[in-house]
Protein backbone atom coordinates (compact mmCIF):
# COMPACT_ATOMS: atom_id res chain seq x y z
CA MET A 1 -66.50 11.15 -46.42
CA PRO A 2 -65.15 13.65 -48.69
CA ALA A 3 -66.53 13.80 -52.30
CA LEU A 4 -63.11 14.03 -53.82
CA ILE A 5 -59.59 13.11 -52.48
CA ASN A 6 -57.37 15.83 -52.64
CA ALA A 7 -54.12 16.96 -51.59
CA LYS A 8 -55.20 18.33 -48.42
CA THR A 9 -57.14 15.08 -47.49
CA VAL A 10 -54.04 13.27 -48.28
CA LEU A 11 -51.88 15.21 -46.13
CA ASN A 12 -54.15 14.74 -43.12
CA SER A 13 -54.64 11.08 -43.68
CA PHE A 14 -51.03 9.88 -42.76
CA VAL A 15 -51.30 7.49 -39.60
CA PRO A 16 -48.22 6.03 -37.82
CA ILE A 17 -48.46 2.27 -37.60
CA THR A 18 -47.62 2.61 -33.85
CA ARG A 19 -51.27 3.77 -33.31
CA PHE A 20 -52.26 0.27 -34.46
CA ASN A 21 -49.59 -1.24 -31.88
CA LYS A 22 -51.12 1.06 -29.19
CA GLY A 23 -54.68 -0.37 -29.55
CA GLU A 24 -56.09 2.35 -31.62
CA ALA A 25 -56.99 0.13 -34.73
CA SER A 26 -60.85 0.34 -34.05
CA LYS A 27 -60.49 4.12 -33.88
CA ILE A 28 -58.44 4.37 -37.05
CA VAL A 29 -61.21 2.12 -39.01
CA SER A 30 -63.74 4.60 -37.88
CA GLU A 31 -61.69 7.50 -39.17
CA VAL A 32 -61.42 5.67 -42.41
CA LYS A 33 -65.26 5.39 -42.49
CA ASN A 34 -65.50 9.01 -41.97
CA ASP A 35 -62.49 10.37 -44.06
CA GLY A 36 -62.56 7.68 -46.73
CA ILE A 37 -58.86 7.22 -46.72
CA LYS A 38 -55.85 6.56 -44.40
CA PHE A 39 -52.12 6.06 -45.31
CA LEU A 40 -50.34 3.79 -42.73
CA VAL A 41 -46.70 5.04 -42.26
CA ARG A 42 -43.75 3.16 -40.80
CA ASN A 43 -40.29 4.86 -40.46
CA ASN A 44 -41.82 7.80 -42.19
CA ALA A 45 -42.50 5.84 -45.42
CA PRO A 46 -46.02 4.71 -46.63
CA GLU A 47 -46.78 0.97 -45.90
CA CYS A 48 -50.26 0.63 -47.14
CA VAL A 49 -53.59 2.52 -47.76
CA MET A 50 -56.89 1.92 -46.11
CA LEU A 51 -59.82 2.91 -48.20
CA SER A 52 -63.43 3.00 -47.14
CA LEU A 53 -65.81 0.45 -48.57
CA GLU A 54 -67.62 3.04 -50.62
CA ILE A 55 -64.32 4.15 -52.27
CA TYR A 56 -63.09 0.72 -52.71
CA LYS A 57 -66.30 -0.11 -54.65
CA ASN A 58 -66.19 2.90 -56.59
CA LEU A 59 -62.71 2.15 -57.78
CA LEU A 60 -63.56 -1.39 -58.77
CA GLU A 61 -66.43 0.16 -60.66
CA GLN A 62 -64.33 2.58 -62.54
CA LEU A 63 -61.92 -0.23 -63.43
CA GLU A 64 -64.67 -2.38 -64.76
CA ASN A 65 -65.79 0.67 -66.86
CA TYR A 66 -62.42 1.42 -68.16
CA GLU A 67 -61.80 -2.35 -69.18
CA LEU A 68 -65.08 -2.52 -70.93
CA ALA A 69 -64.25 0.74 -72.89
CA ALA A 70 -60.84 -0.67 -73.92
CA LYS A 71 -62.58 -3.79 -75.16
CA ARG A 72 -64.98 -1.70 -77.39
CA ILE A 73 -62.02 0.21 -78.69
CA SER A 74 -59.87 -2.73 -79.75
């Protein structure tokens, strides 16, 4: 999994929703585990984002830290 999510990672992470419909869901989940993120696209528009569990937990921890810092300031 990349340490940082950058523009190159994002551009390489678009996945057409039709791949799910063709039975590739398991493969896409494996890609998320390796790459950290995938953007599911339907009709050339993003539908949802898939994050690895590690990135998701990291985001939750960062959110909690920001909330605690905001409480200290106010």
